[in-house]
Amino acid sequence: MNMASVGGVHPAPFIGFYNVSKAALIHLTRQLAMELGPAVRVNALAPGLVKTSMSRALYEGNEEELSARFPLRRLGVPDDVAGAALFLASEASSWLTGEAIVVDGGAHLT
């Protein structure tokens, strides 16, 4: 499993280099899925804004306003991404390969 970002799927201003690197990782995920299947399944997670110490500067003092823009009306927490990772590691995803699962509370829909 690769850790990408919603930025690899949807562009955003001022972080183009970061987003391009995550888009490349999503493409690599698909390429490896094609080359390594059926022995290996390769997928990626593409989280949005998750409340961590690294991302604190992006939401601190603005969390309520940011959350109001998301369909689920809250920012993500690490357990949200962990749940998606557990799904990919489980047999429940046994027929899934080459995918980037966006975990962002629906923010990419807005």
PDB file of N, CA and C in Angstrom:
ATOM      1  N   MET A   1       0.839  -1.168   0.000  1.00  0.00           N
ATOM      2  CA  MET A   1       0.000   0.000   0.000  1.00  0.00           C
ATOM      3  C   MET A   1       0.889   1.238   0.000  1.00  0.00           C
ATOM      4  N   ASN A   2       0.523   2.191  -0.852  1.00  0.00           N
ATOM      5  CA  ASN A   2       1.237   3.458  -0.937  1.00  0.00           C
ATOM      6  C   ASN A   2       0.427   4.554  -0.259  1.00  0.00           C
ATOM      7  N   MET A   3       1.127   5.530   0.295  1.00  0.00           N
ATOM      8  CA  MET A   3       0.465   6.662   0.918  1.00  0.00           C
ATOM      9  C   MET A   3       0.609   7.865  -0.001  1.00  0.00           C
ATOM     10  N   ALA A   4      -0.474   8.191  -0.673  1.00  0.00           N
ATOM     11  CA  ALA A   4      -0.498   9.331  -1.588  1.00  0.00           C
ATOM     12  C   ALA A   4      -1.151  10.503  -0.863  1.00  0.00           C
ATOM     13  N   SER A   5      -1.944  11.267  -1.570  1.00  0.00           N
ATOM     14  CA  SER A   5      -2.653  12.404  -0.996  1.00  0.00           C
ATOM     15  C   SER A   5      -3.778  12.771  -1.937  1.00  0.00           C
ATOM     16  N   VAL A   6      -4.814  13.384  -1.394  1.00  0.00           N
ATOM     17  CA  VAL A   6      -5.894  13.879  -2.243  1.00  0.00           C
ATOM     18  C   VAL A   6      -5.334  14.880  -3.251  1.00  0.00           C
ATOM     19  N   GLY A   7      -4.216  15.512  -2.920  1.00  0.00           N
ATOM     20  CA  GLY A   7      -3.558  16.428  -3.851  1.00  0.00           C
ATOM     21  C   GLY A   7      -3.072  15.751  -5.115  1.00  0.00           C
ATOM     22  N   GLY A   8      -2.890  14.445  -5.078  1.00  0.00           N
ATOM     23  CA  GLY A   8      -2.504  13.710  -6.275  1.00  0.00           C
ATOM     24  C   GLY A   8      -3.665  13.472  -7.219  1.00  0.00           C
ATOM     25  N   VAL A   9      -4.873  13.742  -6.746  1.00  0.00           N
ATOM     26  CA  VAL A   9      -6.080  13.541  -7.540  1.00  0.00           C
ATOM     27  C   VAL A   9      -6.702  14.878  -7.939  1.00  0.00           C
ATOM     28  N   HIS A  10      -6.602  15.870  -7.047  1.00  0.00           N
ATOM     29  CA  HIS A  10      -7.204  17.183  -7.268  1.00  0.00           C
ATOM     30  C   HIS A  10      -6.162  18.268  -7.030  1.00  0.00           C
ATOM     31  N   PRO A  11      -5.949  19.148  -7.995  1.00  0.00           N
ATOM     32  CA  PRO A  11      -4.941  20.196  -7.820  1.00  0.00           C
ATOM     33  C   PRO A  11      -5.361  21.226  -6.767  1.00  0.00           C
ATOM     34  N   ALA A  12      -4.384  21.882  -6.210  1.00  0.00           N
ATOM     35  CA  ALA A  12      -4.602  22.952  -5.239  1.00  0.00           C
ATOM     36  C   ALA A  12      -3.511  23.998  -5.443  1.00  0.00           C
ATOM     37  N   PRO A  13      -3.815  25.245  -5.176  1.00  0.00           N
ATOM     38  CA  PRO A  13      -2.822  26.299  -5.404  1.00  0.00           C
ATOM     39  C   PRO A  13      -1.640  26.219  -4.440  1.00  0.00           C
ATOM     40  N   PHE A  14      -0.492  26.594  -4.936  1.00  0.00           N
ATOM     41  CA  PHE A  14       0.741  26.799  -4.169  1.00  0.00           C
ATOM     42  C   PHE A  14       1.453  25.528  -3.709  1.00  0.00           C
ATOM     43  N   ILE A  15       0.925  24.344  -4.015  1.00  0.00           N
ATOM     44  CA  ILE A  15       1.610  23.105  -3.614  1.00  0.00           C
ATOM     45  C   ILE A  15       1.737  22.154  -4.806  1.00  0.00           C
ATOM     46  N   GLY A  16       1.971  22.742  -5.967  1.00  0.00           N
ATOM     47  CA  GLY A  16       2.036  21.973  -7.204  1.00  0.00           C
ATOM     48  C   GLY A  16       3.075  20.867  -7.195  1.00  0.00           C
ATOM     49  N   PHE A  17       4.276  21.142  -6.700  1.00  0.00           N
ATOM     50  CA  PHE A  17       5.313  20.115  -6.698  1.00  0.00           C
ATOM     51  C   PHE A  17       4.911  18.927  -5.831  1.00  0.00           C
ATOM     52  N   TYR A  18       4.333  19.208  -4.683  1.00  0.00           N
ATOM     53  CA  TYR A  18       3.857  18.149  -3.791  1.00  0.00           C
ATOM     54  C   TYR A  18       2.772  17.327  -4.484  1.00  0.00           C
ATOM     55  N   ASN A  19       1.800  18.016  -5.075  1.00  0.00           N
ATOM     56  CA  ASN A  19       0.690  17.308  -5.722  1.00  0.00           C
ATOM     57  C   ASN A  19       1.154  16.468  -6.904  1.00  0.00           C
ATOM     58  N   VAL A  20       2.085  16.977  -7.679  1.00  0.00           N
ATOM     59  CA  VAL A  20       2.609  16.210  -8.815  1.00  0.00           C
ATOM     60  C   VAL A  20       3.318  14.953  -8.317  1.00  0.00           C
ATOM     61  N   SER A  21       4.045  15.056  -7.215  1.00  0.00           N
ATOM     62  CA  SER A  21       4.723  13.863  -6.684  1.00  0.00           C
ATOM     63  C   SER A  21       3.712  12.823  -6.216  1.00  0.00           C
ATOM     64  N   LYS A  22       2.595  13.266  -5.647  1.00  0.00           N
ATOM     65  CA  LYS A  22       1.567  12.331  -5.188  1.00  0.00           C
ATOM     66  C   LYS A  22       0.803  11.744  -6.377  1.00  0.00           C
ATOM     67  N   ALA A  23       0.612  12.521  -7.432  1.00  0.00           N
ATOM     68  CA  ALA A  23      -0.006  11.991  -8.651  1.00  0.00           C
ATOM     69  C   ALA A  23       0.892  10.911  -9.268  1.00  0.00           C
ATOM     70  N   ALA A  24       2.191  11.135  -9.237  1.00  0.00           N
ATOM     71  CA  ALA A  24       3.132  10.130  -9.744  1.00  0.00           C
ATOM     72  C   ALA A  24       3.051   8.853  -8.911  1.00  0.00           C
ATOM     73  N   LEU A  25       2.907   8.992  -7.616  1.00  0.00           N
ATOM     74  CA  LEU A  25       2.784   7.821  -6.753  1.00  0.00           C
ATOM     75  C   LEU A  25       1.504   7.047  -7.052  1.00  0.00           C
ATOM     76  N   ILE A  26       0.428   7.746  -7.349  1.00  0.00           N
ATOM     77  CA  ILE A  26      -0.822   7.067  -7.721  1.00  0.00           C
ATOM     78  C   ILE A  26      -0.635   6.319  -9.036  1.00  0.00           C
ATOM     79  N   HIS A  27       0.060   6.941  -9.983  1.00  0.00           N
ATOM     80  CA  HIS A  27       0.322   6.246 -11.251  1.00  0.00           C
ATOM     81  C   HIS A  27       1.231   5.037 -11.026  1.00  0.00           C
ATOM     82  N   LEU A  28       2.231   5.181 -10.179  1.00  0.00           N
ATOM     83  CA  LEU A  28       3.096   4.057  -9.844  1.00  0.00           C
ATOM     84  C   LEU A  28       2.287   2.915  -9.223  1.00  0.00           C
ATOM     85  N   THR A  29       1.342   3.258  -8.385  1.00  0.00           N
ATOM     86  CA  THR A  29       0.460   2.254  -7.774  1.00  0.00           C
ATOM     87  C   THR A  29      -0.248   1.454  -8.859  1.00  0.00           C
ATOM     88  N   ARG A  30      -0.801   2.139  -9.836  1.00  0.00           N
ATOM     89  CA  ARG A  30      -1.508   1.460 -10.932  1.00  0.00           C
ATOM     90  C   ARG A  30      -0.559   0.620 -11.772  1.00  0.00           C
ATOM     91  N   GLN A  31       0.611   1.164 -12.040  1.00  0.00           N
ATOM     92  CA  GLN A  31       1.598   0.432 -12.845  1.00  0.00           C
ATOM     93  C   GLN A  31       2.038  -0.846 -12.133  1.00  0.00           C
ATOM     94  N   LEU A  32       2.344  -0.741 -10.856  1.00  0.00           N
ATOM     95  CA  LEU A  32       2.770  -1.922 -10.100  1.00  0.00           C
ATOM     96  C   LEU A  32       1.646  -2.939  -9.972  1.00  0.00           C
ATOM     97  N   ALA A  33       0.420  -2.473  -9.819  1.00  0.00           N
ATOM     98  CA  ALA A  33      -0.715  -3.399  -9.750  1.00  0.00           C
ATOM     99  C   ALA A  33      -0.800  -4.210 -11.035  1.00  0.00           C
ATOM    100  N   MET A  34      -0.587  -3.548 -12.162  1.00  0.00           N
ATOM    101  CA  MET A  34      -0.631  -4.229 -13.455  1.00  0.00           C
ATOM    102  C   MET A  34       0.515  -5.233 -13.598  1.00  0.00           C
ATOM    103  N   GLU A  35       1.690  -4.853 -13.148  1.00  0.00           N
ATOM    104  CA  GLU A  35       2.872  -5.699 -13.325  1.00  0.00           C
ATOM    105  C   GLU A  35       2.981  -6.824 -12.300  1.00  0.00           C
ATOM    106  N   LEU A  36       2.491  -6.619 -11.091  1.00  0.00           N
ATOM    107  CA  LEU A  36       2.701  -7.591 -10.026  1.00  0.00           C
ATOM    108  C   LEU A  36       1.519  -8.520  -9.775  1.00  0.00           C
ATOM    109  N   GLY A  37       0.348  -8.183 -10.351  1.00  0.00           N
ATOM    110  CA  GLY A  37      -0.811  -9.053 -10.161  1.00  0.00           C
ATOM    111  C   GLY A  37      -0.633 -10.353 -10.918  1.00  0.00           C
ATOM    112  N   PRO A  38      -1.220 -11.432 -10.500  1.00  0.00           N
ATOM    113  CA  PRO A  38      -2.136 -11.561  -9.377  1.00  0.00           C
ATOM    114  C   PRO A  38      -1.455 -11.855  -8.042  1.00  0.00           C
ATOM    115  N   ALA A  39      -0.150 -11.991  -8.031  1.00  0.00           N
ATOM    116  CA  ALA A  39       0.535 -12.372  -6.794  1.00  0.00           C
ATOM    117  C   ALA A  39       0.479 -11.270  -5.738  1.00  0.00           C
ATOM    118  N   VAL A  40       0.467 -10.023  -6.181  1.00  0.00           N
ATOM    119  CA  VAL A  40       0.499  -8.897  -5.248  1.00  0.00           C
ATOM    120  C   VAL A  40      -0.578  -7.896  -5.646  1.00  0.00           C
ATOM    121  N   ARG A  41      -1.307  -7.417  -4.657  1.00  0.00           N
ATOM    122  CA  ARG A  41      -2.249  -6.320  -4.872  1.00  0.00           C
ATOM    123  C   ARG A  41      -1.574  -5.031  -4.419  1.00  0.00           C
ATOM    124  N   VAL A  42      -1.695  -3.986  -5.219  1.00  0.00           N
ATOM    125  CA  VAL A  42      -1.066  -2.710  -4.897  1.00  0.00           C
ATOM    126  C   VAL A  42      -2.132  -1.619  -4.955  1.00  0.00           C
ATOM    127  N   ASN A  43      -2.341  -0.936  -3.845  1.00  0.00           N
ATOM    128  CA  ASN A  43      -3.308   0.142  -3.749  1.00  0.00           C
ATOM    129  C   ASN A  43      -2.676   1.318  -3.022  1.00  0.00           C
ATOM    130  N   ALA A  44      -3.373   2.432  -3.026  1.00  0.00           N
ATOM    131  CA  ALA A  44      -2.888   3.630  -2.346  1.00  0.00           C
ATOM    132  C   ALA A  44      -4.021   4.264  -1.561  1.00  0.00           C
ATOM    133  N   LEU A  45      -3.644   4.960  -0.530  1.00  0.00           N
ATOM    134  CA  LEU A  45      -4.575   5.821   0.194  1.00  0.00           C
ATOM    135  C   LEU A  45      -4.239   7.260  -0.161  1.00  0.00           C
ATOM    136  N   ALA A  46      -5.274   8.067  -0.345  1.00  0.00           N
ATOM    137  CA  ALA A  46      -5.093   9.476  -0.674  1.00  0.00           C
ATOM    138  C   ALA A  46      -5.872  10.311   0.341  1.00  0.00           C
ATOM    139  N   PRO A  47      -5.300  10.507   1.528  1.00  0.00           N
ATOM    140  CA  PRO A  47      -6.021  11.277   2.544  1.00  0.00           C
ATOM    141  C   PRO A  47      -6.035  12.764   2.241  1.00  0.00           C
ATOM    142  N   GLY A  48      -7.060  13.405   2.756  1.00  0.00           N
ATOM    143  CA  GLY A  48      -7.142  14.856   2.727  1.00  0.00           C
ATOM    144  C   GLY A  48      -6.544  15.403   4.010  1.00  0.00           C
ATOM    145  N   LEU A  49      -7.076  16.522   4.461  1.00  0.00           N
ATOM    146  CA  LEU A  49      -6.560  17.175   5.664  1.00  0.00           C
ATOM    147  C   LEU A  49      -6.906  16.353   6.905  1.00  0.00           C
ATOM    148  N   VAL A  50      -5.859  15.867   7.556  1.00  0.00           N
ATOM    149  CA  VAL A  50      -6.002  15.058   8.763  1.00  0.00           C
ATOM    150  C   VAL A  50      -5.337  15.821   9.907  1.00  0.00           C
ATOM    151  N   LYS A  51      -6.006  15.845  11.041  1.00  0.00           N
ATOM    152  CA  LYS A  51      -5.490  16.578  12.202  1.00  0.00           C
ATOM    153  C   LYS A  51      -4.296  15.842  12.800  1.00  0.00           C
ATOM    154  N   THR A  52      -3.121  16.307  12.435  1.00  0.00           N
ATOM    155  CA  THR A  52      -1.882  15.782  12.993  1.00  0.00           C
ATOM    156  C   THR A  52      -1.001  16.973  13.376  1.00  0.00           C
ATOM    157  N   SER A  53       0.075  16.713  14.072  1.00  0.00           N
ATOM    158  CA  SER A  53       0.982  17.805  14.435  1.00  0.00           C
ATOM    159  C   SER A  53       1.611  18.420  13.185  1.00  0.00           C
ATOM    160  N   MET A  54       1.825  17.625  12.139  1.00  0.00           N
ATOM    161  CA  MET A  54       2.419  18.140  10.909  1.00  0.00           C
ATOM    162  C   MET A  54       1.479  19.117  10.186  1.00  0.00           C
ATOM    163  N   SER A  55       0.187  18.858  10.230  1.00  0.00           N
ATOM    164  CA  SER A  55      -0.762  19.690   9.486  1.00  0.00           C
ATOM    165  C   SER A  55      -1.405  20.781  10.343  1.00  0.00           C
ATOM    166  N   ARG A  56      -0.998  20.890  11.579  1.00  0.00           N
ATOM    167  CA  ARG A  56      -1.631  21.831  12.514  1.00  0.00           C
ATOM    168  C   ARG A  56      -1.707  23.253  11.956  1.00  0.00           C
ATOM    169  N   ALA A  57      -0.680  23.706  11.279  1.00  0.00           N
ATOM    170  CA  ALA A  57      -0.665  25.071  10.749  1.00  0.00           C
ATOM    171  C   ALA A  57      -1.761  25.297   9.709  1.00  0.00           C
ATOM    172  N   LEU A  58      -2.263  24.234   9.101  1.00  0.00           N
ATOM    173  CA  LEU A  58      -3.297  24.361   8.072  1.00  0.00           C
ATOM    174  C   LEU A  58      -4.701  24.535   8.646  1.00  0.00           C
ATOM    175  N   TYR A  59      -4.904  24.103   9.877  1.00  0.00           N
ATOM    176  CA  TYR A  59      -6.263  24.158  10.429  1.00  0.00           C
ATOM    177  C   TYR A  59      -6.382  24.921  11.744  1.00  0.00           C
ATOM    178  N   GLU A  60      -5.297  25.099  12.466  1.00  0.00           N
ATOM    179  CA  GLU A  60      -5.366  25.725  13.786  1.00  0.00           C
ATOM    180  C   GLU A  60      -5.935  27.140  13.692  1.00  0.00           C
ATOM    181  N   GLY A  61      -6.946  27.408  14.499  1.00  0.00           N
ATOM    182  CA  GLY A  61      -7.603  28.693  14.494  1.00  0.00           C
ATOM    183  C   GLY A  61      -8.633  28.854  13.380  1.00  0.00           C
ATOM    184  N   ASN A  62      -8.774  27.816  12.548  1.00  0.00           N
ATOM    185  CA  ASN A  62      -9.664  27.887  11.390  1.00  0.00           C
ATOM    186  C   ASN A  62     -10.449  26.582  11.214  1.00  0.00           C
ATOM    187  N   GLU A  63     -10.369  25.714  12.197  1.00  0.00           N
ATOM    188  CA  GLU A  63     -10.947  24.377  12.060  1.00  0.00           C
ATOM    189  C   GLU A  63     -12.453  24.401  11.816  1.00  0.00           C
ATOM    190  N   GLU A  64     -13.167  25.232  12.522  1.00  0.00           N
ATOM    191  CA  GLU A  64     -14.625  25.266  12.376  1.00  0.00           C
ATOM    192  C   GLU A  64     -15.029  25.703  10.965  1.00  0.00           C
ATOM    193  N   GLU A  65     -14.370  26.719  10.453  1.00  0.00           N
ATOM    194  CA  GLU A  65     -14.672  27.214   9.098  1.00  0.00           C
ATOM    195  C   GLU A  65     -14.314  26.170   8.039  1.00  0.00           C
ATOM    196  N   LEU A  66     -13.164  25.537   8.179  1.00  0.00           N
ATOM    197  CA  LEU A  66     -12.769  24.483   7.239  1.00  0.00           C
ATOM    198  C   LEU A  66     -13.747  23.320   7.286  1.00  0.00           C
ATOM    199  N   SER A  67     -14.078  22.875   8.478  1.00  0.00           N
ATOM    200  CA  SER A  67     -14.980  21.729   8.648  1.00  0.00           C
ATOM    201  C   SER A  67     -16.341  21.986   8.017  1.00  0.00           C
ATOM    202  N   ALA A  68     -16.808  23.204   8.068  1.00  0.00           N
ATOM    203  CA  ALA A  68     -18.122  23.547   7.522  1.00  0.00           C
ATOM    204  C   ALA A  68     -18.181  23.335   6.011  1.00  0.00           C
ATOM    205  N   ARG A  69     -17.030  23.350   5.342  1.00  0.00           N
ATOM    206  CA  ARG A  69     -16.983  23.152   3.890  1.00  0.00           C
ATOM    207  C   ARG A  69     -17.048  21.681   3.484  1.00  0.00           C
ATOM    208  N   PHE A  70     -16.790  20.782   4.428  1.00  0.00           N
ATOM    209  CA  PHE A  70     -16.734  19.355   4.116  1.00  0.00           C
ATOM    210  C   PHE A  70     -18.109  18.720   4.291  1.00  0.00           C
ATOM    211  N   PRO A  71     -18.505  17.820   3.400  1.00  0.00           N
ATOM    212  CA  PRO A  71     -19.797  17.154   3.564  1.00  0.00           C
ATOM    213  C   PRO A  71     -19.971  16.472   4.923  1.00  0.00           C
ATOM    214  N   LEU A  72     -18.909  15.915   5.491  1.00  0.00           N
ATOM    215  CA  LEU A  72     -19.029  15.266   6.798  1.00  0.00           C
ATOM    216  C   LEU A  72     -18.819  16.236   7.955  1.00  0.00           C
ATOM    217  N   ARG A  73     -18.578  17.502   7.638  1.00  0.00           N
ATOM    218  CA  ARG A  73     -18.509  18.608   8.606  1.00  0.00           C
ATOM    219  C   ARG A  73     -17.473  18.428   9.715  1.00  0.00           C
ATOM    220  N   ARG A  74     -16.382  17.751   9.385  1.00  0.00           N
ATOM    221  CA  ARG A  74     -15.282  17.643  10.351  1.00  0.00           C
ATOM    222  C   ARG A  74     -13.998  17.345   9.603  1.00  0.00           C
ATOM    223  N   LEU A  75     -12.889  17.635  10.245  1.00  0.00           N
ATOM    224  CA  LEU A  75     -11.595  17.257   9.694  1.00  0.00           C
ATOM    225  C   LEU A  75     -11.324  15.803  10.028  1.00  0.00           C
ATOM    226  N   GLY A  76     -10.449  15.197   9.282  1.00  0.00           N
ATOM    227  CA  GLY A  76     -10.089  13.813   9.543  1.00  0.00           C
ATOM    228  C   GLY A  76      -9.186  13.684  10.756  1.00  0.00           C
ATOM    229  N   VAL A  77      -9.170  12.492  11.297  1.00  0.00           N
ATOM    230  CA  VAL A  77      -8.250  12.143  12.378  1.00  0.00           C
ATOM    231  C   VAL A  77      -7.478  10.910  11.921  1.00  0.00           C
ATOM    232  N   PRO A  78      -6.327  10.643  12.518  1.00  0.00           N
ATOM    233  CA  PRO A  78      -5.534   9.508  12.070  1.00  0.00           C
ATOM    234  C   PRO A  78      -6.303   8.182  12.003  1.00  0.00           C
ATOM    235  N   ASP A  79      -7.244   7.959  12.909  1.00  0.00           N
ATOM    236  CA  ASP A  79      -8.010   6.710  12.876  1.00  0.00           C
ATOM    237  C   ASP A  79      -8.854   6.576  11.610  1.00  0.00           C
ATOM    238  N   ASP A  80      -9.241   7.687  10.991  1.00  0.00           N
ATOM    239  CA  ASP A  80      -9.987   7.615   9.737  1.00  0.00           C
ATOM    240  C   ASP A  80      -9.136   6.983   8.640  1.00  0.00           C
ATOM    241  N   VAL A  81      -7.891   7.375   8.569  1.00  0.00           N
ATOM    242  CA  VAL A  81      -6.978   6.824   7.572  1.00  0.00           C
ATOM    243  C   VAL A  81      -6.611   5.383   7.945  1.00  0.00           C
ATOM    244  N   ALA A  82      -6.439   5.132   9.232  1.00  0.00           N
ATOM    245  CA  ALA A  82      -6.114   3.774   9.687  1.00  0.00           C
ATOM    246  C   ALA A  82      -7.223   2.793   9.323  1.00  0.00           C
ATOM    247  N   GLY A  83      -8.480   3.214   9.428  1.00  0.00           N
ATOM    248  CA  GLY A  83      -9.591   2.341   9.064  1.00  0.00           C
ATOM    249  C   GLY A  83      -9.542   1.950   7.598  1.00  0.00           C
ATOM    250  N   ALA A  84      -9.218   2.900   6.738  1.00  0.00           N
ATOM    251  CA  ALA A  84      -9.093   2.595   5.309  1.00  0.00           C
ATOM    252  C   ALA A  84      -7.906   1.665   5.059  1.00  0.00           C
ATOM    253  N   ALA A  85      -6.818   1.869   5.790  1.00  0.00           N
ATOM    254  CA  ALA A  85      -5.652   0.995   5.648  1.00  0.00           C
ATOM    255  C   ALA A  85      -5.987  -0.433   6.088  1.00  0.00           C
ATOM    256  N   LEU A  86      -6.728  -0.558   7.168  1.00  0.00           N
ATOM    257  CA  LEU A  86      -7.141  -1.893   7.625  1.00  0.00           C
ATOM    258  C   LEU A  86      -8.012  -2.581   6.581  1.00  0.00           C
ATOM    259  N   PHE A  87      -8.900  -1.821   5.942  1.00  0.00           N
ATOM    260  CA  PHE A  87      -9.708  -2.386   4.867  1.00  0.00           C
ATOM    261  C   PHE A  87      -8.818  -2.924   3.752  1.00  0.00           C
ATOM    262  N   LEU A  88      -7.828  -2.134   3.328  1.00  0.00           N
ATOM    263  CA  LEU A  88      -6.952  -2.585   2.247  1.00  0.00           C
ATOM    264  C   LEU A  88      -6.107  -3.787   2.648  1.00  0.00           C
ATOM    265  N   ALA A  89      -5.801  -3.908   3.918  1.00  0.00           N
ATOM    266  CA  ALA A  89      -5.004  -5.041   4.392  1.00  0.00           C
ATOM    267  C   ALA A  89      -5.845  -6.293   4.614  1.00  0.00           C
ATOM    268  N   SER A  90      -7.155  -6.144   4.576  1.00  0.00           N
ATOM    269  CA  SER A  90      -8.037  -7.271   4.878  1.00  0.00           C
ATOM    270  C   SER A  90      -8.499  -7.994   3.618  1.00  0.00           C
ATOM    271  N   GLU A  91      -9.088  -9.142   3.825  1.00  0.00           N
ATOM    272  CA  GLU A  91      -9.668  -9.905   2.718  1.00  0.00           C
ATOM    273  C   GLU A  91     -10.883  -9.204   2.116  1.00  0.00           C
ATOM    274  N   ALA A  92     -11.450  -8.244   2.820  1.00  0.00           N
ATOM    275  CA  ALA A  92     -12.604  -7.505   2.295  1.00  0.00           C
ATOM    276  C   ALA A  92     -12.239  -6.742   1.022  1.00  0.00           C
ATOM    277  N   SER A  93     -10.952  -6.494   0.809  1.00  0.00           N
ATOM    278  CA  SER A  93     -10.506  -5.787  -0.395  1.00  0.00           C
ATOM    279  C   SER A  93      -9.779  -6.717  -1.363  1.00  0.00           C
ATOM    280  N   SER A  94     -10.064  -7.998  -1.292  1.00  0.00           N
ATOM    281  CA  SER A  94      -9.305  -8.988  -2.066  1.00  0.00           C
ATOM    282  C   SER A  94      -9.439  -8.855  -3.578  1.00  0.00           C
ATOM    283  N   TRP A  95     -10.432  -8.127  -4.051  1.00  0.00           N
ATOM    284  CA  TRP A  95     -10.581  -7.947  -5.494  1.00  0.00           C
ATOM    285  C   TRP A  95     -10.372  -6.491  -5.885  1.00  0.00           C
ATOM    286  N   LEU A  96      -9.487  -5.842  -5.160  1.00  0.00           N
ATOM    287  CA  LEU A  96      -9.191  -4.431  -5.373  1.00  0.00           C
ATOM    288  C   LEU A  96      -7.698  -4.272  -5.565  1.00  0.00           C
ATOM    289  N   THR A  97      -7.314  -3.738  -6.699  1.00  0.00           N
ATOM    290  CA  THR A  97      -5.900  -3.453  -6.948  1.00  0.00           C
ATOM    291  C   THR A  97      -5.787  -2.290  -7.928  1.00  0.00           C
ATOM    292  N   GLY A  98      -4.723  -1.537  -7.787  1.00  0.00           N
ATOM    293  CA  GLY A  98      -4.489  -0.408  -8.671  1.00  0.00           C
ATOM    294  C   GLY A  98      -5.337   0.807  -8.373  1.00  0.00           C
ATOM    295  N   GLU A  99      -5.882   0.890  -7.183  1.00  0.00           N
ATOM    296  CA  GLU A  99      -6.789   1.981  -6.832  1.00  0.00           C
ATOM    297  C   GLU A  99      -6.164   2.929  -5.818  1.00  0.00           C
ATOM    298  N   ALA A 100      -6.588   4.170  -5.905  1.00  0.00           N
ATOM    299  CA  ALA A 100      -6.251   5.172  -4.893  1.00  0.00           C
ATOM    300  C   ALA A 100      -7.556   5.548  -4.200  1.00  0.00           C
ATOM    301  N   ILE A 101      -7.654   5.195  -2.951  1.00  0.00           N
ATOM    302  CA  ILE A 101      -8.867   5.471  -2.192  1.00  0.00           C
ATOM    303  C   ILE A 101      -8.719   6.833  -1.507  1.00  0.00           C
ATOM    304  N   VAL A 102      -9.608   7.754  -1.864  1.00  0.00           N
ATOM    305  CA  VAL A 102      -9.609   9.081  -1.275  1.00  0.00           C
ATOM    306  C   VAL A 102     -10.314   9.025   0.071  1.00  0.00           C
ATOM    307  N   VAL A 103      -9.626   9.484   1.111  1.00  0.00           N
ATOM    308  CA  VAL A 103     -10.169   9.489   2.475  1.00  0.00           C
ATOM    309  C   VAL A 103     -10.103  10.939   2.949  1.00  0.00           C
ATOM    310  N   ASP A 104     -11.169  11.693   2.643  1.00  0.00           N
ATOM    311  CA  ASP A 104     -11.113  13.126   2.951  1.00  0.00           C
ATOM    312  C   ASP A 104     -12.442  13.697   3.431  1.00  0.00           C
ATOM    313  N   GLY A 105     -13.339  12.861   3.886  1.00  0.00           N
ATOM    314  CA  GLY A 105     -14.620  13.354   4.391  1.00  0.00           C
ATOM    315  C   GLY A 105     -15.485  13.996   3.324  1.00  0.00           C
ATOM    316  N   GLY A 106     -15.181  13.706   2.070  1.00  0.00           N
ATOM    317  CA  GLY A 106     -15.948  14.274   0.961  1.00  0.00           C
ATOM    318  C   GLY A 106     -15.494  15.655   0.537  1.00  0.00           C
ATOM    319  N   ALA A 107     -14.369  16.132   1.076  1.00  0.00           N
ATOM    320  CA  ALA A 107     -13.905  17.480   0.751  1.00  0.00           C
ATOM    321  C   ALA A 107     -13.664  17.664  -0.738  1.00  0.00           C
ATOM    322  N   HIS A 108     -13.236  16.623  -1.430  1.00  0.00           N
ATOM    323  CA  HIS A 108     -12.961  16.736  -2.854  1.00  0.00           C
ATOM    324  C   HIS A 108     -14.238  16.961  -3.679  1.00  0.00           C
ATOM    325  N   LEU A 109     -15.385  16.772  -3.082  1.00  0.00           N
ATOM    326  CA  LEU A 109     -16.656  16.963  -3.782  1.00  0.00           C
ATOM    327  C   LEU A 109     -17.054  18.434  -3.850  1.00  0.00           C
ATOM    328  N   THR A 110     -16.439  19.242  -3.012  1.00  0.00           N
ATOM    329  CA  THR A 110     -16.839  20.652  -2.950  1.00  0.00           C
ATOM    330  C   THR A 110     -15.984  21.518  -3.837  1.00  0.00           C
TER     331      THR A 110
END
